Amino acid sequence: MDYYDYFRVKPGSKLDLNKFDPVCKDLHDDSDLAEAEMQRLRDRLRELQYSMYAERKRSVLIVLQGRDAAGKDGTIRHVFRAMNPQGCRVFSFKVPSKEEAEHDFLWRHHRVTPGLGHIAVFNRSHYEEVLVQRVHNMVPKEVWKKRYDEINNFEQMLANNSTHILKFYLHIDPEEQLERFKKRLESPHKYWKISDADYSERPYWDDYTKAYEDALTKCSTDYAPWFTIPSNRKWFRNYVVLKILIAAFESFHISMPETTVDLDAIRRLYHQEKKKENGG
């Protein structure tokens, strides 16, 4: 199945998240089989990253968005562990610092976009400016409405400079979110994740739904597509993200660079050193 196309938000399309199934059991219902395949997919992703790092002709920006407990951290832990950290960095965006707040809203994101050969993963992103700021009326409507075009222009500029952009919205329903909040209360090693905001944000569920629908439909483009990922089942979420990443990376047609040295001369040097080592 072509997961890339199936879960991609088509440019210009309408999206109704209330009708989007966060489980999608009809697509895959065997976690054991998926886990076996995921190891193969991680190995393939590692190979592709290695080639891209060596090629140094492109970079990749991966955006993860979702409601509280949607699984952004879990996706990073289970999917991106395949990556060599030498070429992949994760950036988490919290409340802007004083310095960040003194610049335009894209400044703090632009300064950490990936260079050639590298991958950057944004755990939350510049889209917070049309999500939380919109829902809580932190800026006037005439301000956040302009940001869709500003975001599209920003992403177009990155794409024009050899950055591939892949954006994932991790979709869960309110019942699953509450169940995950319960597990945080039951697991001491998850206490650190608990926040008052977990519960204070729930009354705004419908407002966030509308904000996400607008962000995904207005800002899913051919050069920076959004993917809506069913995330109630964590293993399936990871599986789908991996499949989409593999499809995207393979479409880049990455090639290993040609050597810049005289291999015959290097081989002669090697054999000379080996001969010395053997006492010859």
C-alpha atoms as a PDB file:
ATOM      1  CA  MET A   1       0.000   0.000   0.000  1.00  0.00           C
ATOM      2  CA  ASP A   2       1.166   3.547  -0.771  1.00  0.00           C
ATOM      3  CA  TYR A   3       1.049   5.091   2.710  1.00  0.00           C
ATOM      4  CA  TYR A   4       2.689   8.273   1.411  1.00  0.00           C
ATOM      5  CA  ASP A   5      -0.202   9.117  -0.864  1.00  0.00           C
ATOM      6  CA  TYR A   6      -2.932   7.638   1.351  1.00  0.00           C
ATOM      7  CA  PHE A   7      -2.177   9.810   4.385  1.00  0.00           C
ATOM      8  CA  ARG A   8      -0.974  12.922   2.560  1.00  0.00           C
ATOM      9  CA  VAL A   9      -3.190  15.982   2.831  1.00  0.00           C
ATOM     10  CA  LYS A  10      -3.720  16.845  -0.827  1.00  0.00           C
ATOM     11  CA  PRO A  11      -3.074  20.521  -1.664  1.00  0.00           C
ATOM     12  CA  GLY A  12      -6.354  22.388  -1.896  1.00  0.00           C
ATOM     13  CA  SER A  13      -8.373  19.583  -0.290  1.00  0.00           C
ATOM     14  CA  LYS A  14     -10.715  19.874   2.686  1.00  0.00           C
ATOM     15  CA  LEU A  15      -9.985  17.944   5.873  1.00  0.00           C
ATOM     16  CA  ASP A  16     -12.498  16.884   8.527  1.00  0.00           C
ATOM     17  CA  LEU A  17     -10.531  15.499  11.452  1.00  0.00           C
ATOM     18  CA  ASN A  18     -13.706  14.365  13.197  1.00  0.00           C
ATOM     19  CA  LYS A  19     -14.153  11.876  10.361  1.00  0.00           C
ATOM     20  CA  PHE A  20     -10.526  10.743  10.300  1.00  0.00           C
ATOM     21  CA  ASP A  21     -10.077   7.359  11.991  1.00  0.00           C
ATOM     22  CA  PRO A  22      -7.261   7.540  14.593  1.00  0.00           C
ATOM     23  CA  VAL A  23      -7.084   3.717  14.704  1.00  0.00           C
ATOM     24  CA  CYS A  24      -7.281   2.547  11.050  1.00  0.00           C
ATOM     25  CA  LYS A  25      -7.490  -1.106  12.036  1.00  0.00           C
ATOM     26  CA  ASP A  26      -8.620  -2.070   8.556  1.00  0.00           C
ATOM     27  CA  LEU A  27      -5.177  -1.185   7.156  1.00  0.00           C
ATOM     28  CA  HIS A  28      -3.006  -3.287   9.470  1.00  0.00           C
ATOM     29  CA  ASP A  29      -3.965  -5.265  12.551  1.00  0.00           C
ATOM     30  CA  ASP A  30      -0.867  -7.308  13.387  1.00  0.00           C
ATOM     31  CA  SER A  31       1.656  -5.489  15.559  1.00  0.00           C
ATOM     32  CA  ASP A  32       4.035  -8.469  15.632  1.00  0.00           C
ATOM     33  CA  LEU A  33       4.352  -8.540  11.849  1.00  0.00           C
ATOM     34  CA  ALA A  34       4.723  -4.770  11.773  1.00  0.00           C
ATOM     35  CA  GLU A  35       7.507  -4.804  14.369  1.00  0.00           C
ATOM     36  CA  ALA A  36       9.473  -7.340  12.344  1.00  0.00           C
ATOM     37  CA  GLU A  37       9.135  -5.178   9.255  1.00  0.00           C
ATOM     38  CA  MET A  38       9.950  -1.995  11.188  1.00  0.00           C
ATOM     39  CA  GLN A  39      13.421  -3.264  11.965  1.00  0.00           C
ATOM     40  CA  ARG A  40      14.002  -3.732   8.246  1.00  0.00           C
ATOM     41  CA  LEU A  41      12.629  -0.253   7.588  1.00  0.00           C
ATOM     42  CA  ARG A  42      14.894   1.288  10.234  1.00  0.00           C
ATOM     43  CA  ASP A  43      17.880  -0.394   8.598  1.00  0.00           C
ATOM     44  CA  ARG A  44      16.812   0.991   5.225  1.00  0.00           C
ATOM     45  CA  LEU A  45      16.327   4.485   6.657  1.00  0.00           C
ATOM     46  CA  ARG A  46      19.797   4.312   8.206  1.00  0.00           C
ATOM     47  CA  GLU A  47      21.280   3.415   4.790  1.00  0.00           C
ATOM     48  CA  LEU A  48      19.486   6.299   3.110  1.00  0.00           C
ATOM     49  CA  GLN A  49      20.582   8.767   5.764  1.00  0.00           C
ATOM     50  CA  TYR A  50      24.185   7.608   5.398  1.00  0.00           C
ATOM     51  CA  SER A  51      24.043   8.161   1.641  1.00  0.00           C
ATOM     52  CA  MET A  52      22.457  11.587   2.028  1.00  0.00           C
ATOM     53  CA  TYR A  53      25.071  12.615   4.601  1.00  0.00           C
ATOM     54  CA  ALA A  54      27.828  11.587   2.194  1.00  0.00           C
ATOM     55  CA  GLU A  55      26.155  13.131  -0.857  1.00  0.00           C
ATOM     56  CA  ARG A  56      25.746  16.587   0.775  1.00  0.00           C
ATOM     57  CA  LYS A  57      23.304  17.818  -1.883  1.00  0.00           C
ATOM     58  CA  ARG A  58      20.112  18.126   0.166  1.00  0.00           C
ATOM     59  CA  SER A  59      18.734  18.351   3.686  1.00  0.00           C
ATOM     60  CA  VAL A  60      15.504  17.178   5.305  1.00  0.00           C
ATOM     61  CA  LEU A  61      13.246  19.007   7.762  1.00  0.00           C
ATOM     62  CA  ILE A  62      10.733  16.833   9.597  1.00  0.00           C
ATOM     63  CA  VAL A  63       7.918  18.500  11.550  1.00  0.00           C
ATOM     64  CA  LEU A  64       5.976  16.682  14.276  1.00  0.00           C
ATOM     65  CA  GLN A  65       2.773  18.248  15.558  1.00  0.00           C
ATOM     66  CA  GLY A  66      -0.043  16.867  17.674  1.00  0.00           C
ATOM     67  CA  ARG A  67      -2.099  17.387  20.772  1.00  0.00           C
ATOM     68  CA  ASP A  68      -0.733  16.673  24.230  1.00  0.00           C
ATOM     69  CA  ALA A  69       0.096  12.938  24.550  1.00  0.00           C
ATOM     70  CA  ALA A  70      -0.256  12.381  20.798  1.00  0.00           C
ATOM     71  CA  GLY A  71       3.153  10.703  20.752  1.00  0.00           C
ATOM     72  CA  LYS A  72       5.711  13.160  19.407  1.00  0.00           C
ATOM     73  CA  ASP A  73       8.368  12.017  21.878  1.00  0.00           C
ATOM     74  CA  GLY A  74       7.509   8.367  21.263  1.00  0.00           C
ATOM     75  CA  THR A  75       7.779   8.798  17.508  1.00  0.00           C
ATOM     76  CA  ILE A  76      11.211  10.363  17.901  1.00  0.00           C
ATOM     77  CA  ARG A  77      12.302   7.565  20.215  1.00  0.00           C
ATOM     78  CA  HIS A  78      11.069   4.664  18.088  1.00  0.00           C
ATOM     79  CA  VAL A  79      11.444   5.967  14.536  1.00  0.00           C
ATOM     80  CA  PHE A  80      14.446   8.252  14.593  1.00  0.00           C
ATOM     81  CA  ARG A  81      16.624   5.930  16.654  1.00  0.00           C
ATOM     82  CA  ALA A  82      17.555   4.557  13.247  1.00  0.00           C
ATOM     83  CA  MET A  83      19.353   7.794  12.488  1.00  0.00           C
ATOM     84  CA  ASN A  84      23.027   8.470  13.092  1.00  0.00           C
ATOM     85  CA  PRO A  85      22.980  11.433  15.530  1.00  0.00           C
ATOM     86  CA  GLN A  86      25.979  12.888  13.698  1.00  0.00           C
ATOM     87  CA  GLY A  87      23.605  13.866  10.903  1.00  0.00           C
ATOM     88  CA  CYS A  88      20.281  14.260  12.711  1.00  0.00           C
ATOM     89  CA  ARG A  89      19.241  16.707  15.425  1.00  0.00           C
ATOM     90  CA  VAL A  90      15.968  17.157  17.309  1.00  0.00           C
ATOM     91  CA  PHE A  91      14.711  20.595  18.331  1.00  0.00           C
ATOM     92  CA  SER A  92      11.875  21.088  20.811  1.00  0.00           C
ATOM     93  CA  PHE A  93      10.196  24.474  20.835  1.00  0.00           C
ATOM     94  CA  LYS A  94       8.786  25.782  24.097  1.00  0.00           C
ATOM     95  CA  VAL A  95       7.590  29.271  25.030  1.00  0.00           C
ATOM     96  CA  PRO A  96       9.834  31.770  23.184  1.00  0.00           C
ATOM     97  CA  SER A  97      12.722  33.236  25.146  1.00  0.00           C
ATOM     98  CA  LYS A  98      13.068  37.009  25.508  1.00  0.00           C
ATOM     99  CA  GLU A  99      15.515  37.100  22.599  1.00  0.00           C
ATOM    100  CA  GLU A 100      13.283  34.930  20.404  1.00  0.00           C
ATOM    101  CA  ALA A 101      10.219  37.033  21.175  1.00  0.00           C
ATOM    102  CA  GLU A 102      12.058  40.132  19.963  1.00  0.00           C
ATOM    103  CA  HIS A 103      12.320  38.677  16.441  1.00  0.00           C
ATOM    104  CA  ASP A 104       9.779  37.615  13.844  1.00  0.00           C
ATOM    105  CA  PHE A 105       7.982  34.362  14.687  1.00  0.00           C
ATOM    106  CA  LEU A 106      10.007  32.325  12.166  1.00  0.00           C
ATOM    107  CA  TRP A 107      13.446  33.487  13.320  1.00  0.00           C
ATOM    108  CA  ARG A 108      14.075  30.864  16.000  1.00  0.00           C
ATOM    109  CA  HIS A 109      13.011  28.097  13.619  1.00  0.00           C
ATOM    110  CA  HIS A 110      14.973  29.293  10.609  1.00  0.00           C
ATOM    111  CA  ARG A 111      18.238  29.455  12.539  1.00  0.00           C
ATOM    112  CA  VAL A 112      18.120  25.697  13.263  1.00  0.00           C
ATOM    113  CA  THR A 113      16.974  24.414   9.880  1.00  0.00           C
ATOM    114  CA  PRO A 114      19.299  21.673   8.582  1.00  0.00           C
ATOM    115  CA  GLY A 115      22.355  22.182   6.413  1.00  0.00           C
ATOM    116  CA  LEU A 116      23.191  20.019   3.406  1.00  0.00           C
ATOM    117  CA  GLY A 117      23.473  16.362   4.331  1.00  0.00           C
ATOM    118  CA  HIS A 118      21.648  16.839   7.619  1.00  0.00           C
ATOM    119  CA  ILE A 119      18.207  16.137   9.057  1.00  0.00           C
ATOM    120  CA  ALA A 120      16.363  18.287  11.596  1.00  0.00           C
ATOM    121  CA  VAL A 121      13.317  17.077  13.516  1.00  0.00           C
ATOM    122  CA  PHE A 122      11.046  19.767  14.950  1.00  0.00           C
ATOM    123  CA  ASN A 123       9.128  18.608  18.031  1.00  0.00           C
ATOM    124  CA  ARG A 124       6.405  21.246  17.727  1.00  0.00           C
ATOM    125  CA  SER A 125       7.270  24.008  15.310  1.00  0.00           C
ATOM    126  CA  HIS A 126       6.433  27.299  13.660  1.00  0.00           C
ATOM    127  CA  TYR A 127       2.870  25.981  13.369  1.00  0.00           C
ATOM    128  CA  GLU A 128       2.258  26.788  17.033  1.00  0.00           C
ATOM    129  CA  GLU A 129       1.785  30.350  15.789  1.00  0.00           C
ATOM    130  CA  VAL A 130      -1.463  29.345  14.060  1.00  0.00           C
ATOM    131  CA  LEU A 131      -2.509  26.843  16.718  1.00  0.00           C
ATOM    132  CA  VAL A 132      -2.080  27.833  20.367  1.00  0.00           C
ATOM    133  CA  GLN A 133      -1.769  31.540  19.559  1.00  0.00           C
ATOM    134  CA  ARG A 134      -4.969  31.375  17.540  1.00  0.00           C
ATOM    135  CA  VAL A 135      -6.961  29.269  20.007  1.00  0.00           C
ATOM    136  CA  HIS A 136      -6.034  31.442  22.995  1.00  0.00           C
ATOM    137  CA  ASN A 137      -6.297  34.771  21.177  1.00  0.00           C
ATOM    138  CA  MET A 138      -2.685  35.590  21.958  1.00  0.00           C
ATOM    139  CA  VAL A 139      -2.439  37.679  18.796  1.00  0.00           C
ATOM    140  CA  PRO A 140      -5.198  39.393  16.784  1.00  0.00           C
ATOM    141  CA  LYS A 141      -6.923  37.416  14.029  1.00  0.00           C
ATOM    142  CA  GLU A 142      -5.524  39.714  11.350  1.00  0.00           C
ATOM    143  CA  VAL A 143      -2.032  38.721  12.537  1.00  0.00           C
ATOM    144  CA  TRP A 144      -2.370  34.928  12.636  1.00  0.00           C
ATOM    145  CA  LYS A 145      -4.368  34.826   9.382  1.00  0.00           C
ATOM    146  CA  LYS A 146      -1.362  36.241   7.525  1.00  0.00           C
ATOM    147  CA  ARG A 147       0.910  33.573   8.939  1.00  0.00           C
ATOM    148  CA  TYR A 148      -0.347  30.786   6.689  1.00  0.00           C
ATOM    149  CA  ASP A 149       1.075  32.595   3.668  1.00  0.00           C
ATOM    150  CA  GLU A 150       4.212  33.535   5.595  1.00  0.00           C
ATOM    151  CA  ILE A 151       4.743  29.902   6.557  1.00  0.00           C
ATOM    152  CA  ASN A 152       4.191  28.737   2.980  1.00  0.00           C
ATOM    153  CA  ASN A 153       6.674  31.319   1.702  1.00  0.00           C
ATOM    154  CA  PHE A 154       9.201  30.275   4.355  1.00  0.00           C
ATOM    155  CA  GLU A 155       8.875  26.604   3.420  1.00  0.00           C
ATOM    156  CA  GLN A 156       9.027  27.396  -0.289  1.00  0.00           C
ATOM    157  CA  MET A 157      12.282  29.272   0.274  1.00  0.00           C
ATOM    158  CA  LEU A 158      13.737  26.281   2.157  1.00  0.00           C
ATOM    159  CA  ALA A 159      12.607  23.917  -0.604  1.00  0.00           C
ATOM    160  CA  ASN A 160      14.183  26.179  -3.234  1.00  0.00           C
ATOM    161  CA  ASN A 161      17.442  25.756  -1.329  1.00  0.00           C
ATOM    162  CA  SER A 162      17.425  21.931  -1.380  1.00  0.00           C
ATOM    163  CA  THR A 163      15.580  21.260   1.885  1.00  0.00           C
ATOM    164  CA  HIS A 164      12.927  18.547   1.656  1.00  0.00           C
ATOM    165  CA  ILE A 165      10.101  19.117   4.153  1.00  0.00           C
ATOM    166  CA  LEU A 166       7.865  16.394   5.607  1.00  0.00           C
ATOM    167  CA  LYS A 167       5.224  17.306   8.187  1.00  0.00           C
ATOM    168  CA  PHE A 168       3.353  14.823  10.381  1.00  0.00           C
ATOM    169  CA  TYR A 169       0.220  15.542  12.383  1.00  0.00           C
ATOM    170  CA  LEU A 170      -0.252  12.760  14.966  1.00  0.00           C
ATOM    171  CA  HIS A 171      -4.004  12.282  15.347  1.00  0.00           C
ATOM    172  CA  ILE A 172      -5.602  10.843  18.494  1.00  0.00           C
ATOM    173  CA  ASP A 173      -9.127  11.092  19.874  1.00  0.00           C
ATOM    174  CA  PRO A 174     -10.032  12.590  23.291  1.00  0.00           C
ATOM    175  CA  GLU A 175     -10.641   9.176  24.852  1.00  0.00           C
ATOM    176  CA  GLU A 176      -7.152   7.978  23.930  1.00  0.00           C
ATOM    177  CA  GLN A 177      -5.620  11.202  25.221  1.00  0.00           C
ATOM    178  CA  LEU A 178      -7.326  10.775  28.604  1.00  0.00           C
ATOM    179  CA  GLU A 179      -6.166   7.149  28.786  1.00  0.00           C
ATOM    180  CA  ARG A 180      -2.585   8.301  28.217  1.00  0.00           C
ATOM    181  CA  PHE A 181      -2.954  10.937  30.934  1.00  0.00           C
ATOM    182  CA  LYS A 182      -4.069   8.128  33.251  1.00  0.00           C
ATOM    183  CA  LYS A 183      -0.950   6.102  32.430  1.00  0.00           C
ATOM    184  CA  ARG A 184       1.202   9.099  33.298  1.00  0.00           C
ATOM    185  CA  LEU A 185      -0.392   9.152  36.759  1.00  0.00           C
ATOM    186  CA  GLU A 186       0.233   5.419  37.168  1.00  0.00           C
ATOM    187  CA  SER A 187       3.871   5.451  36.042  1.00  0.00           C
ATOM    188  CA  PRO A 188       6.394   7.283  38.272  1.00  0.00           C
ATOM    189  CA  HIS A 189       8.888   7.486  35.397  1.00  0.00           C
ATOM    190  CA  LYS A 190       6.284   9.519  33.476  1.00  0.00           C
ATOM    191  CA  TYR A 191       5.461  11.968  36.285  1.00  0.00           C
ATOM    192  CA  TRP A 192       7.747  14.542  34.707  1.00  0.00           C
ATOM    193  CA  LYS A 193       5.418  14.757  31.709  1.00  0.00           C
ATOM    194  CA  ILE A 194       2.377  15.716  33.792  1.00  0.00           C
ATOM    195  CA  SER A 195       1.228  19.303  33.443  1.00  0.00           C
ATOM    196  CA  ASP A 196      -1.784  21.357  34.485  1.00  0.00           C
ATOM    197  CA  ALA A 197      -2.093  22.221  30.801  1.00  0.00           C
ATOM    198  CA  ASP A 198      -2.958  18.570  30.067  1.00  0.00           C
ATOM    199  CA  TYR A 199      -6.403  19.253  31.480  1.00  0.00           C
ATOM    200  CA  SER A 200      -6.796  23.007  31.007  1.00  0.00           C
ATOM    201  CA  GLU A 201      -6.432  22.557  27.229  1.00  0.00           C
ATOM    202  CA  ARG A 202      -9.056  19.814  26.861  1.00  0.00           C
ATOM    203  CA  PRO A 203     -12.044  22.221  26.858  1.00  0.00           C
ATOM    204  CA  TYR A 204     -10.521  23.747  23.713  1.00  0.00           C
ATOM    205  CA  TRP A 205     -10.535  20.428  21.825  1.00  0.00           C
ATOM    206  CA  ASP A 206     -12.935  21.596  19.110  1.00  0.00           C
ATOM    207  CA  ASP A 207     -11.106  24.913  18.721  1.00  0.00           C
ATOM    208  CA  TYR A 208      -7.821  23.073  18.228  1.00  0.00           C
ATOM    209  CA  THR A 209      -9.494  20.720  15.762  1.00  0.00           C
ATOM    210  CA  LYS A 210     -10.537  23.660  13.602  1.00  0.00           C
ATOM    211  CA  ALA A 211      -7.087  25.271  13.938  1.00  0.00           C
ATOM    212  CA  TYR A 212      -5.353  22.043  12.894  1.00  0.00           C
ATOM    213  CA  GLU A 213      -7.719  21.558   9.943  1.00  0.00           C
ATOM    214  CA  ASP A 214      -6.930  25.049   8.681  1.00  0.00           C
ATOM    215  CA  ALA A 215      -3.183  24.663   9.180  1.00  0.00           C
ATOM    216  CA  LEU A 216      -3.064  21.303   7.436  1.00  0.00           C
ATOM    217  CA  THR A 217      -5.220  22.318   4.476  1.00  0.00           C
ATOM    218  CA  LYS A 218      -3.756  25.794   3.965  1.00  0.00           C
ATOM    219  CA  CYS A 219      -0.134  24.672   4.332  1.00  0.00           C
ATOM    220  CA  SER A 220       0.032  21.243   2.687  1.00  0.00           C
ATOM    221  CA  THR A 221       1.897  21.805  -0.553  1.00  0.00           C
ATOM    222  CA  ASP A 222       3.775  19.711  -3.088  1.00  0.00           C
ATOM    223  CA  TYR A 223       7.067  21.016  -1.673  1.00  0.00           C
ATOM    224  CA  ALA A 224       6.073  20.660   2.004  1.00  0.00           C
ATOM    225  CA  PRO A 225       3.288  18.077   2.411  1.00  0.00           C
ATOM    226  CA  TRP A 226       1.353  17.377   5.599  1.00  0.00           C
ATOM    227  CA  PHE A 227       0.508  13.794   6.566  1.00  0.00           C
ATOM    228  CA  THR A 228      -2.313  12.962   8.977  1.00  0.00           C
ATOM    229  CA  ILE A 229      -1.127   9.956  10.979  1.00  0.00           C
ATOM    230  CA  PRO A 230      -3.564   7.692  12.889  1.00  0.00           C
ATOM    231  CA  SER A 231      -1.924   7.581  16.315  1.00  0.00           C
ATOM    232  CA  ASN A 232      -4.222   5.822  18.785  1.00  0.00           C
ATOM    233  CA  ARG A 233      -2.142   2.677  18.229  1.00  0.00           C
ATOM    234  CA  LYS A 234       1.443   3.657  18.897  1.00  0.00           C
ATOM    235  CA  TRP A 235       3.051   0.836  16.911  1.00  0.00           C
ATOM    236  CA  PHE A 236       0.934   1.651  13.867  1.00  0.00           C
ATOM    237  CA  ARG A 237       1.817   5.345  14.154  1.00  0.00           C
ATOM    238  CA  ASN A 238       5.516   4.447  14.099  1.00  0.00           C
ATOM    239  CA  TYR A 239       5.020   2.016  11.237  1.00  0.00           C
ATOM    240  CA  VAL A 240       3.217   4.559   9.045  1.00  0.00           C
ATOM    241  CA  VAL A 241       5.771   7.317   9.703  1.00  0.00           C
ATOM    242  CA  LEU A 242       8.606   4.946   8.824  1.00  0.00           C
ATOM    243  CA  LYS A 243       6.902   3.860   5.596  1.00  0.00           C
ATOM    244  CA  ILE A 244       6.351   7.472   4.547  1.00  0.00           C
ATOM    245  CA  LEU A 245       9.932   8.462   5.374  1.00  0.00           C
ATOM    246  CA  ILE A 246      11.316   5.560   3.355  1.00  0.00           C
ATOM    247  CA  ALA A 247       9.115   6.436   0.371  1.00  0.00           C
ATOM    248  CA  ALA A 248      10.181  10.077   0.539  1.00  0.00           C
ATOM    249  CA  PHE A 249      13.899   9.375   0.897  1.00  0.00           C
ATOM    250  CA  GLU A 250      13.863   6.865  -1.946  1.00  0.00           C
ATOM    251  CA  SER A 251      12.176   9.447  -4.178  1.00  0.00           C
ATOM    252  CA  PHE A 252      15.173  11.764  -3.684  1.00  0.00           C
ATOM    253  CA  HIS A 253      17.329   9.415  -5.821  1.00  0.00           C
ATOM    254  CA  ILE A 254      20.317   9.920  -3.540  1.00  0.00           C
ATOM    255  CA  SER A 255      23.664   8.827  -4.969  1.00  0.00           C
ATOM    256  CA  MET A 256      26.975   8.284  -3.247  1.00  0.00           C
ATOM    257  CA  PRO A 257      29.584  10.872  -4.302  1.00  0.00           C
ATOM    258  CA  GLU A 258      32.491   9.935  -6.499  1.00  0.00           C
ATOM    259  CA  THR A 259      35.862   9.767  -4.797  1.00  0.00           C
ATOM    260  CA  THR A 260      38.144  12.814  -5.098  1.00  0.00           C
ATOM    261  CA  VAL A 261      41.403  10.890  -4.684  1.00  0.00           C
ATOM    262  CA  ASP A 262      43.477   8.524  -6.839  1.00  0.00           C
ATOM    263  CA  LEU A 263      42.387   5.155  -5.460  1.00  0.00           C
ATOM    264  CA  ASP A 264      45.301   3.299  -7.076  1.00  0.00           C
ATOM    265  CA  ALA A 265      47.759   5.662  -5.386  1.00  0.00           C
ATOM    266  CA  ILE A 266      45.979   5.236  -2.036  1.00  0.00           C
ATOM    267  CA  ARG A 267      46.085   1.449  -2.428  1.00  0.00           C
ATOM    268  CA  ARG A 268      49.829   1.605  -3.035  1.00  0.00           C
ATOM    269  CA  LEU A 269      50.257   3.686   0.125  1.00  0.00           C
ATOM    270  CA  TYR A 270      48.186   1.179   2.058  1.00  0.00           C
ATOM    271  CA  HIS A 271      50.257  -1.772   0.894  1.00  0.00           C
ATOM    272  CA  GLN A 272      53.482   0.099   1.702  1.00  0.00           C
ATOM    273  CA  GLU A 273      52.260   0.701   5.254  1.00  0.00           C
ATOM    274  CA  LYS A 274      51.062  -2.881   5.583  1.00  0.00           C
ATOM    275  CA  LYS A 275      54.486  -4.124   4.427  1.00  0.00           C
ATOM    276  CA  LYS A 276      56.213  -1.980   7.065  1.00  0.00           C
ATOM    277  CA  GLU A 277      53.870  -3.297   9.718  1.00  0.00           C
ATOM    278  CA  ASN A 278      54.784  -6.849   8.763  1.00  0.00           C
ATOM    279  CA  GLY A 279      58.479  -6.028   8.981  1.00  0.00           C
ATOM    280  CA  GLY A 280      59.069  -6.054   5.254  1.00  0.00           C
END
